[in-house]
Protein backbone atom coordinates (compact mmCIF):
# COMPACT_ATOMS: atom_id res chain seq x y z
CA MET A 1 88.43 -41.19 28.60
CA ASP A 2 90.57 -38.51 26.59
CA GLU A 3 89.17 -35.56 24.28
CA ASP A 4 90.34 -35.36 21.13
CA GLY A 5 91.50 -32.55 19.10
CA ARG A 6 87.60 -31.76 18.13
CA GLY A 7 86.30 -31.92 21.93
CA ARG A 8 84.96 -35.32 21.45
CA LEU A 9 85.39 -38.21 24.05
CA ARG A 10 87.84 -40.82 22.87
CA PRO A 11 88.12 -44.28 24.46
CA GLU A 12 91.81 -44.64 26.19
CA GLY A 13 94.21 -47.11 26.11
CA GLY A 14 92.98 -50.45 24.32
CA GLU A 15 89.55 -49.50 23.81
CA ALA A 16 90.46 -47.12 21.63
CA ASP A 17 92.50 -49.19 19.68
CA GLY A 18 89.61 -51.76 19.67
CA ARG A 19 87.05 -49.61 18.58
CA ASP A 20 89.25 -48.25 15.72
CA ALA A 21 90.11 -51.53 14.55
CA ASP A 22 86.35 -52.58 14.11
CA ALA A 23 85.35 -49.23 12.43
CA GLU A 24 88.20 -50.18 9.99
CA ALA A 25 86.91 -53.41 8.93
CA GLN A 26 83.83 -52.21 8.72
CA LYS A 27 85.35 -49.56 6.12
CA THR A 28 87.33 -52.26 4.32
CA ALA A 29 83.93 -54.67 4.11
CA LEU A 30 82.26 -51.70 2.52
CA GLN A 31 84.55 -50.71 -0.30
CA PRO A 32 83.58 -53.88 -2.71
CA THR A 33 80.09 -52.95 -2.45
CA VAL A 34 80.44 -49.59 -3.33
CA ALA A 35 82.64 -50.15 -5.82
CA ASN A 36 80.32 -52.31 -7.35
CA ALA A 37 77.53 -50.14 -7.10
CA ARG A 38 79.93 -47.30 -9.16
CA ALA A 39 80.83 -49.43 -11.53
CA ARG A 40 77.01 -50.21 -12.41
CA ALA A 41 76.24 -47.06 -12.25
CA GLY A 42 79.31 -46.27 -14.77
CA GLY A 43 78.03 -48.92 -17.26
CA ARG A 44 74.65 -47.22 -17.66
CA ASP A 45 76.41 -44.10 -17.69
CA GLY A 46 79.07 -44.83 -19.90
CA ALA A 47 81.31 -47.36 -18.39
CA GLY A 48 84.88 -46.53 -18.91
CA GLU A 49 86.96 -48.61 -21.33
CA GLY A 50 87.95 -52.08 -20.16
CA SER A 51 85.08 -52.92 -18.25
CA PRO A 52 84.52 -56.42 -18.16
CA PRO A 53 81.21 -58.05 -19.29
CA ARG A 54 78.27 -59.10 -17.13
CA PRO A 55 75.69 -61.49 -17.50
CA GLU A 56 73.11 -58.78 -16.49
CA ASP A 57 73.92 -56.71 -19.34
CA GLY A 58 72.77 -59.49 -21.88
CA LEU A 59 69.24 -59.37 -19.89
CA VAL A 60 69.19 -55.91 -20.52
CA ALA A 61 69.83 -56.09 -24.02
CA ARG A 62 67.33 -58.86 -24.70
CA ALA A 63 64.31 -57.01 -22.84
CA GLY A 64 65.64 -54.21 -25.14
CA ALA A 65 64.92 -56.04 -28.75
CA GLY A 66 61.65 -57.81 -27.52
CA ALA A 67 60.48 -53.95 -26.77
CA ALA A 68 61.33 -53.06 -30.08
CA ARG A 69 59.70 -55.59 -32.16
CA ALA A 70 56.52 -55.32 -29.92
CA GLY A 71 56.74 -51.84 -31.15
CA ALA A 72 56.82 -52.68 -34.93
CA LEU A 73 54.10 -54.84 -34.80
CA LEU A 74 51.80 -52.98 -33.14
CA ALA A 75 52.44 -50.01 -35.70
CA ALA A 76 52.20 -52.99 -38.78
CA HIS A 77 48.98 -53.66 -37.13
CA ARG A 78 47.93 -50.18 -36.95
CA LEU A 79 48.84 -49.58 -40.77
CA ALA A 80 46.93 -52.60 -41.54
CA ALA A 81 43.73 -51.43 -39.81
CA LEU A 82 43.96 -48.06 -41.30
CA LEU A 83 44.46 -49.31 -45.01
CA THR A 84 41.53 -51.76 -44.05
CA GLY A 85 39.25 -48.98 -43.29
CA ALA A 86 40.29 -46.66 -46.44
CA ALA A 87 39.39 -49.47 -48.62
CA ILE A 88 36.24 -49.85 -47.09
CA ALA A 89 35.18 -46.09 -47.23
CA LEU A 90 36.38 -46.34 -50.81
CA LEU A 91 34.12 -49.02 -51.53
CA VAL A 92 31.37 -47.20 -50.03
CA VAL A 93 32.55 -43.96 -51.95
CA VAL A 94 32.21 -46.04 -55.32
CA GLY A 95 28.89 -47.74 -54.78
CA THR A 96 27.34 -44.25 -53.60
CA LEU A 97 28.72 -42.91 -56.94
CA LEU A 98 27.12 -45.81 -59.01
CA SER A 99 24.29 -46.53 -57.53
CA PRO A 100 22.27 -43.74 -59.40
CA VAL A 101 24.29 -44.86 -62.80
CA MET A 102 22.93 -48.63 -62.49
CA GLU A 103 19.66 -47.28 -61.38
CA GLY A 104 17.14 -47.60 -63.88
CA THR A 105 19.12 -48.52 -66.75
CA PRO A 106 17.84 -50.60 -69.60
CA ASP A 107 16.21 -54.11 -68.48
CA ALA A 108 16.22 -57.27 -70.21
CA THR A 109 13.16 -56.36 -72.22
CA ARG A 110 14.10 -53.17 -73.45
CA VAL A 111 17.44 -54.29 -74.43
CA ARG A 112 15.87 -57.48 -76.26
CA ALA A 113 13.18 -55.14 -77.96
CA ASP A 114 16.37 -52.84 -79.14
CA ALA A 115 18.38 -55.65 -80.06
CA LEU A 116 15.58 -57.28 -82.39
CA ALA A 117 14.56 -53.98 -84.22
CA HIS A 118 17.93 -52.54 -84.63
CA THR A 119 20.91 -55.49 -84.82
CA PRO A 120 21.94 -55.47 -88.23
CA VAL A 121 21.11 -58.71 -90.58
CA PRO A 122 24.07 -60.84 -91.31
CA THR A 123 24.93 -60.97 -95.09
CA HIS A 124 23.94 -64.28 -96.55
CA ASP A 125 24.76 -66.05 -99.67
CA GLY A 126 22.90 -69.44 -99.78
CA GLY A 127 24.71 -70.69 -102.40
CA PRO A 128 23.51 -73.18 -105.13
CA TRP A 129 21.60 -75.35 -103.00
CA ASN A 130 20.20 -73.43 -100.09
CA HIS A 131 16.37 -73.07 -99.83
CA ASP A 132 15.73 -69.20 -100.71
CA GLY A 133 14.48 -67.21 -97.82
CA VAL A 134 14.80 -63.90 -95.80
CA LEU A 135 16.55 -63.91 -92.80
CA ILE A 136 14.15 -62.28 -89.71
CA ALA A 137 15.58 -62.28 -86.28
CA THR A 138 13.39 -64.26 -84.06
CA ASP A 139 15.30 -63.90 -80.65
CA ALA A 140 17.51 -62.03 -78.56
CA GLN A 141 18.87 -62.72 -74.98
CA LEU A 142 20.96 -60.40 -72.79
CA ARG A 143 24.05 -62.02 -71.52
CA GLU A 144 25.70 -59.13 -69.52
CA LYS A 145 25.44 -55.71 -68.38
CA SER A 146 28.40 -53.56 -67.67
CA THR A 147 29.09 -49.77 -67.21
CA GLU A 148 31.36 -48.21 -69.45
CA ALA A 149 33.70 -45.36 -68.26
CA SER A 150 31.96 -43.00 -70.40
CA GLY A 151 28.93 -43.44 -67.81
CA GLY A 152 27.34 -45.28 -70.37
CA ILE A 153 25.78 -48.95 -70.36
CA SER A 154 26.73 -51.47 -72.39
CA ALA A 155 24.83 -54.73 -72.93
CA ARG A 156 26.10 -57.96 -74.80
CA THR A 157 23.35 -59.82 -76.64
CA THR A 158 23.02 -62.92 -78.75
CA VAL A 159 20.48 -62.30 -81.61
CA THR A 160 19.17 -65.01 -83.66
CA TYR A 161 18.21 -64.84 -87.25
CA SER A 162 16.05 -67.36 -89.45
CA ASP A 163 14.58 -67.50 -92.97
CA GLY A 164 12.79 -71.23 -92.32
CA SER A 165 15.89 -73.41 -93.33
CA VAL A 166 18.66 -72.08 -91.51
CA GLU A 167 19.44 -69.97 -88.44
CA ALA A 168 22.05 -68.01 -87.52
CA SER A 169 23.27 -66.27 -84.53
CA TRP A 170 25.80 -63.37 -83.49
CA ASP A 171 26.68 -61.19 -80.31
CA ALA A 172 25.84 -57.84 -80.63
CA ILE A 173 27.12 -54.86 -77.89
CA LEU A 174 24.30 -52.24 -77.31
CA LEU A 175 25.79 -49.28 -75.87
CA TYR A 176 23.13 -46.70 -73.98
CA GLN A 177 24.22 -43.34 -72.90
CA ARG A 178 21.97 -40.98 -70.48
CA SER A 179 20.66 -38.16 -72.39
CA ASP A 180 17.99 -35.62 -70.57
CA GLY A 181 17.06 -37.93 -67.69
CA SER A 182 16.61 -41.41 -70.04
CA TRP A 183 18.93 -43.97 -71.54
CA GLU A 184 19.14 -43.69 -75.40
CA LEU A 185 20.69 -46.05 -77.50
CA GLU A 186 23.80 -45.19 -79.07
CA SER A 187 25.22 -47.65 -81.05
CA ILE A 188 25.37 -51.33 -81.86
CA ASP A 189 28.60 -53.47 -82.36
CA VAL A 190 28.81 -56.73 -83.97
CA PRO A 191 32.63 -57.89 -82.91
CA GLN A 192 32.35 -61.44 -84.77
CA ALA A 193 31.02 -63.25 -87.49
CA ALA A 194 27.64 -64.99 -87.13
CA SER A 195 27.40 -68.87 -86.54
CA TRP A 196 25.20 -70.78 -88.76
CA ARG A 197 23.12 -74.21 -88.26
CA PRO A 198 20.92 -76.14 -90.50
CA THR A 199 16.77 -76.65 -89.72
CA SER A 200 16.21 -78.21 -92.75
CA GLY A 201 17.74 -79.89 -95.87
CA PRO A 202 19.08 -78.60 -99.36
CA ASP A 203 16.29 -77.68 -101.86
CA GLN A 204 15.76 -80.48 -103.53
CA GLN A 205 14.06 -79.05 -106.89
CA LYS A 206 17.56 -77.21 -106.94
CA LEU A 207 19.17 -80.56 -107.30
CA LEU A 208 17.04 -81.70 -109.49
CA ALA A 209 17.11 -78.45 -112.07
CA SER A 210 20.87 -78.64 -111.93
CA LEU A 211 20.83 -82.46 -112.79
CA GLU A 212 23.12 -82.03 -116.07
CA ALA A 213 25.73 -80.89 -113.59
CA LEU A 214 25.24 -83.63 -111.47
CA LEU A 215 25.48 -86.46 -114.10
CA THR A 216 28.70 -85.00 -115.47
CA ARG A 217 30.32 -85.05 -112.09
CA ALA A 218 29.10 -88.58 -111.57
CA GLU A 219 30.79 -89.38 -114.80
CA ALA A 220 34.16 -88.61 -113.74
CA ARG A 221 33.63 -91.95 -111.21
CA LEU A 222 32.89 -94.19 -114.05
CA ASP A 223 35.48 -96.06 -115.57
CA SER A 224 33.85 -95.28 -119.43
CA ARG A 225 33.97 -91.25 -119.28
CA GLY A 226 32.47 -90.88 -122.53
CA ASP A 227 35.75 -89.88 -123.93
CA ASP A 228 36.09 -93.06 -125.92
CA GLY A 229 33.23 -92.13 -128.65
CA GLU A 230 30.41 -93.82 -125.86
CA GLU A 231 27.74 -91.61 -124.88
CA SER A 232 28.04 -89.74 -121.69
CA LEU A 233 25.47 -89.84 -119.03
CA ALA A 234 24.13 -86.00 -119.48
CA ASN A 235 23.58 -86.78 -123.11
CA LEU A 236 21.95 -90.02 -122.35
CA TYR A 237 19.72 -89.02 -119.62
CA ARG A 238 18.74 -85.07 -121.17
CA ASP A 239 15.54 -84.50 -120.56
CA CYS A 240 14.87 -87.49 -118.45
CA GLU A 241 12.36 -87.80 -115.40
CA ALA A 242 14.03 -87.18 -111.63
CA SER A 243 12.99 -87.39 -108.80
CA VAL A 244 14.00 -87.67 -105.04
CA THR A 245 13.29 -90.98 -103.74
CA ASN A 246 15.35 -90.82 -100.63
CA ASP A 247 16.32 -87.92 -98.31
CA GLU A 248 18.08 -88.64 -95.11
CA LEU A 249 18.90 -85.52 -93.08
CA ASP A 250 21.38 -85.49 -89.64
CA VAL A 251 20.86 -81.52 -88.46
CA ALA A 252 23.24 -82.41 -85.67
CA ALA A 253 26.19 -83.82 -87.97
CA ARG A 254 24.87 -80.97 -90.59
CA LEU A 255 25.02 -83.68 -92.77
CA ASP A 256 22.38 -84.72 -95.75
CA LYS A 257 22.39 -88.03 -98.04
CA MET A 258 20.16 -87.86 -100.94
CA THR A 259 19.13 -90.58 -104.07
CA VAL A 260 17.74 -88.87 -106.78
CA ARG A 261 16.21 -91.55 -109.41
CA CYS A 262 16.73 -90.94 -113.02
CA SER A 263 14.54 -92.93 -115.70
CA LYS A 264 14.40 -92.28 -119.60
CA GLN A 265 11.95 -94.19 -121.70
CA GLU A 266 13.35 -94.60 -125.56
CA GLY A 267 10.15 -96.50 -127.50
CA PHE A 268 10.04 -99.54 -125.20
CA ALA A 269 13.33 -99.50 -123.96
CA SER A 270 14.39 -97.38 -120.85
CA ARG A 271 17.65 -96.16 -119.28
CA ASN A 272 17.58 -95.84 -115.11
CA CYS A 273 20.18 -94.96 -112.46
CA ASP A 274 20.64 -93.86 -109.30
CA LEU A 275 22.74 -90.69 -108.22
CA SER A 276 23.78 -90.48 -104.24
CA LEU A 277 24.62 -87.47 -103.41
CA THR A 278 26.30 -86.15 -100.08
CA LEU A 279 26.01 -82.49 -99.12
CA ARG A 280 27.52 -81.20 -96.16
CA PHE A 281 26.48 -77.82 -94.16
CA VAL A 282 29.25 -75.50 -93.47
CA THR A 283 28.54 -73.45 -90.05
CA ALA A 284 30.76 -70.27 -91.30
CA SER A 285 28.75 -69.63 -94.31
CA GLY A 286 25.46 -70.99 -93.66
CA VAL A 287 25.80 -73.41 -97.18
CA TRP A 288 24.98 -76.47 -98.32
CA GLU A 289 27.95 -77.66 -100.35
CA LEU A 290 28.07 -80.61 -102.58
CA THR A 291 30.72 -83.01 -101.42
CA ASP A 292 30.14 -85.95 -103.45
CA VAL A 293 28.39 -87.48 -106.60
CA SER A 294 28.34 -91.30 -107.67
CA VAL A 295 26.15 -93.37 -110.21
CA SER A 296 24.91 -96.66 -110.04
CA ASP A 297 26.43 -99.75 -111.67
CA GLY A 298 24.20 -99.96 -115.56
CA ALA A 299 23.61 -96.44 -115.50
CA LYS A 300 24.29 -96.71 -119.42
CA GLU A 301 22.57 -99.83 -120.32
CA LEU A 302 19.59 -99.83 -122.02
CA GLY A 303 16.68 -101.89 -120.35
CA TYR A 304 13.34 -103.46 -121.40
CA GLU A 305 11.38 -102.91 -118.53
CA PRO A 306 8.54 -100.93 -119.78
CA LEU A 307 7.79 -104.23 -121.75
CA LYS A 308 6.21 -105.48 -118.67
CA GLY A 309 2.91 -105.50 -117.81
CA SER A 310 -0.57 -106.40 -119.56
CA TRP A 311 -1.23 -105.81 -123.01
CA SER A 312 -4.63 -105.80 -125.21
CA GLY A 313 -4.84 -106.98 -128.80
CA SER A 314 -7.16 -105.78 -131.10
CA PHE A 315 -7.47 -107.89 -134.39
CA ARG A 316 -6.15 -106.59 -137.56
CA THR A 317 -5.68 -109.38 -140.10
CA GLN A 318 -4.87 -112.71 -140.95
CA SER A 319 -3.07 -114.48 -143.28
CA SER A 320 -3.05 -118.15 -143.86
CA SER A 321 -2.00 -121.05 -146.17
CA GLY A 322 -5.66 -121.46 -147.49
CA HIS A 323 -8.73 -119.82 -146.80
CA LYS A 324 -9.14 -117.72 -143.75
CA CYS A 325 -10.53 -118.67 -140.08
CA LEU A 326 -11.37 -115.41 -138.61
CA SER A 327 -12.16 -116.82 -134.88
CA GLY A 328 -9.50 -114.79 -133.79
CA ARG A 329 -11.09 -111.32 -134.62
CA ASP A 330 -14.03 -111.78 -131.82
CA ALA A 331 -11.75 -113.50 -129.43
CA GLY A 332 -8.93 -110.91 -129.72
CA LEU A 333 -5.70 -111.32 -127.82
CA ARG A 334 -4.62 -110.49 -124.19
CA LEU A 335 -0.69 -110.77 -123.36
CA SER A 336 1.14 -110.56 -119.88
CA ILE A 337 4.74 -109.87 -120.02
CA ASP A 338 5.76 -110.91 -116.10
CA GLU A 339 9.45 -110.77 -116.61
CA VAL A 340 12.28 -109.19 -118.53
CA ALA A 341 15.99 -110.18 -117.94
CA ALA A 342 19.41 -109.47 -119.99
CA SER A 343 22.34 -111.62 -119.46
CA GLY A 344 25.64 -110.68 -121.61
CA ASP A 345 24.28 -110.14 -125.13
CA THR A 346 21.01 -111.87 -124.64
CA THR A 347 17.46 -110.39 -123.61
CA MET A 348 14.45 -112.71 -122.72
CA ILE A 349 10.92 -112.05 -122.01
CA ALA A 350 8.12 -114.58 -120.09
CA GLY A 351 4.50 -114.05 -119.60
CA THR A 352 1.24 -115.92 -120.31
CA LEU A 353 -1.08 -115.50 -123.41
CA ASP A 354 -5.09 -115.74 -124.11
CA GLY A 355 -6.73 -116.26 -127.45
CA VAL A 356 -7.59 -118.67 -129.97
CA ALA A 357 -5.52 -121.38 -131.90
CA HIS A 358 -6.69 -122.84 -135.00
CA PHE A 359 -5.90 -126.86 -135.14
CA HIS A 360 -7.75 -127.59 -137.84
CA PRO A 361 -7.48 -128.19 -141.66
CA GLU A 362 -7.85 -125.22 -144.14
CA PRO A 363 -11.86 -124.36 -144.47
CA GLU A 364 -12.99 -124.57 -148.02
CA ARG A 365 -14.02 -120.59 -148.20
CA ASP A 366 -13.15 -118.00 -145.36
CA SER A 367 -14.96 -118.60 -142.38
CA THR A 368 -15.93 -116.94 -138.75
CA GLY A 369 -14.91 -120.16 -137.49
CA CYS A 370 -14.33 -123.71 -137.85
CA ASP A 371 -14.31 -126.99 -135.99
CA GLY A 372 -10.61 -127.58 -134.17
CA ASP A 373 -10.48 -123.80 -133.21
CA SER A 374 -9.14 -123.91 -129.51
CA ALA A 375 -9.37 -121.30 -127.13
CA LEU A 376 -5.95 -120.62 -125.15
CA GLU A 377 -5.84 -120.06 -121.51
CA SER A 378 -2.79 -118.49 -119.49
CA LEU A 379 -0.55 -120.17 -122.06
CA ALA A 380 3.02 -119.49 -120.87
CA PHE A 381 5.78 -118.41 -123.41
CA THR A 382 9.24 -117.17 -123.34
CA GLY A 383 11.21 -114.93 -125.94
CA THR A 384 14.29 -114.19 -127.15
CA LEU A 385 15.22 -110.78 -128.69
CA GLN A 386 16.29 -110.83 -132.26
CA ASP A 387 19.32 -109.30 -133.47
CA GLY A 388 19.78 -106.66 -136.23
CA SER A 389 15.81 -106.38 -136.33
CA ASP A 390 14.13 -102.66 -136.99
CA GLY A 391 12.66 -102.15 -133.52
CA LEU A 392 12.33 -104.76 -131.00
CA VAL A 393 11.35 -108.20 -132.12
CA PHE A 394 11.02 -111.15 -129.94
CA ASP A 395 10.11 -114.62 -131.17
CA CYS A 396 8.43 -116.59 -128.59
CA GLU A 397 7.19 -120.50 -128.28
CA THR A 398 4.87 -122.18 -126.43
CA ALA A 399 4.64 -125.43 -124.92
CA ASP A 400 4.17 -128.75 -127.75
CA ASP A 401 0.47 -129.43 -128.23
CA VAL A 402 -0.60 -132.91 -129.81
CA ARG A 403 -3.02 -130.64 -132.07
CA GLY A 404 -0.68 -128.34 -133.01
CA SER A 405 1.89 -125.74 -132.54
CA VAL A 406 1.35 -122.16 -131.30
CA SER A 407 4.32 -119.56 -131.25
CA LEU A 408 4.00 -115.70 -131.07
CA ARG A 409 6.09 -113.02 -132.96
CA LEU A 410 6.09 -109.56 -130.80
CA GLU A 411 7.15 -106.65 -132.29
CA PHE A 412 7.83 -102.87 -130.49
CA GLY A 413 8.65 -100.07 -132.52
CA ASN A 414 10.13 -99.57 -136.02
CA ALA A 415 11.84 -96.90 -137.86
CA GLN A 416 8.55 -96.10 -139.44
CA ASN A 417 6.66 -95.86 -136.10
CA PRO A 418 8.77 -96.11 -133.03
CA SER A 419 5.61 -96.64 -130.81
CA ALA A 420 4.01 -99.00 -132.58
CA ALA A 421 3.31 -102.55 -131.26
CA THR A 422 2.13 -105.76 -132.70
CA ALA A 423 1.71 -109.40 -131.93
CA THR A 424 0.98 -112.32 -134.60
CA LEU A 425 -0.45 -115.26 -132.91
CA VAL A 426 0.92 -118.14 -135.46
CA SER A 427 -1.27 -121.57 -135.48
CA THR A 428 0.05 -124.67 -137.27
CA HIS A 429 -2.12 -128.26 -137.64
CA ASP A 430 -0.75 -131.23 -139.66
CA TYR A 431 -3.45 -133.15 -141.34
CA GLN A 432 -4.03 -135.67 -143.88
CA ASP A 433 -5.54 -135.06 -147.34
CA SER A 434 -5.29 -136.67 -150.58
CA PHE A 435 -5.04 -135.95 -154.33
CA LEU A 436 -6.18 -138.39 -156.57
CA LEU A 437 -6.88 -140.86 -153.90
CA VAL A 438 -3.07 -140.27 -153.21
CA PRO A 439 -2.66 -139.10 -149.28
CA TYR A 440 -0.05 -136.98 -148.36
CA GLN A 441 0.23 -134.70 -145.10
CA ARG A 442 -0.44 -130.88 -145.38
CA THR A 443 -0.07 -128.28 -142.48
CA ALA A 444 -2.38 -125.69 -142.09
CA ARG A 445 -0.87 -122.28 -141.18
CA TYR A 446 -2.96 -119.51 -139.86
CA GLU A 447 -1.29 -116.32 -138.37
CA ASP A 448 -3.46 -113.83 -136.86
CA GLU A 449 -2.16 -110.30 -136.68
CA PHE A 450 -2.97 -107.85 -133.47
CA VAL A 451 -2.36 -104.05 -132.91
CA LEU A 452 -1.22 -104.00 -129.06
CA ARG A 453 -1.48 -101.41 -126.57
CA LYS A 454 -0.58 -101.45 -122.82
CA VAL A 455 -3.24 -101.84 -120.09
């Protein structure tokens, strides 16, 4: 074994060569590993240009991005938690600040009393058909209460008023301010108009008092309107009797339908008509408005209904073809007119009578009674109105009788006395008489006149 130049032992000959070869091989094998390690170190420290990408580099990059996202999410959660906490703290602060303001504010009883006492009353023009009355606050309901920016309290309240026939309601805003430790009513504001509703129908007496205007309005619905010389409804029914015969009120529909009966008697005749009225209630103004007026058929025609009924006759005088038979003076006359009918230009009546008929010859002298006087009981008659007569004159006929005939003439009113009423009961009797022993037929005629009165 030789020593090398450093005084170390060195193998001799081939032995030395073999060891040197082994060492060189190990050195060669280690070079790639060292190079790779340096390359990785260079990649972290800044590898030189031209270095090829490696798979492990992508893994490292993705791991870095994930870490960044996780950090951002954590930061967002921290911010949300911070904001939530701040909001809760703010609510607590606001609640704490407001608690002493809302505590002890005017309650519903106080607000109701203030609203009833101090809220202004709606202005109401009742119109021509409403009942007269004074609006009075009858109820107040608290709807909501809130805090104003000024620190005051506002209370929205619905106030109701009534005058007995209509109701009105509107919202009032009551503002309270704190003064010397107590809440004081500072102002009342009414932001909207009142709403109205009816509790009863129109005033009937006001409608009746305006009858002439109602008749004039109804005239416009007729074919003959008084402009052709014909009397108008207003003239024909001036000073007539009028009454409400039907009144149908629908509060929910705010509608009233009314019938007014008009009657006017002229002597023993009369006119009658029905006015149909429709009125609607206006919720914006609280007023009943007349929307329609119509009149029944035949409103201008003269009728004779006043003739119907019972009449009593007091004997006044008798006209006869000879001496008088006055049995009718004690018997009197009773009439019952049961029907009055008009057809075109013809007017007829029908009824019954009770009295005395004279079915006998003329007496030799005036007498209080004669053989042949016959009592009439419920004798039926029919009569026809005569044209051109002064007043109403009916010539009436009865059933035939073998003993003679009975007729009746009724007169109601005349130019001298419009209220006069008379009846003339006429009896005739045919009998045989003789003159110088020559027989001939005679007719005895008796006209008993009675003054009539309605009973």
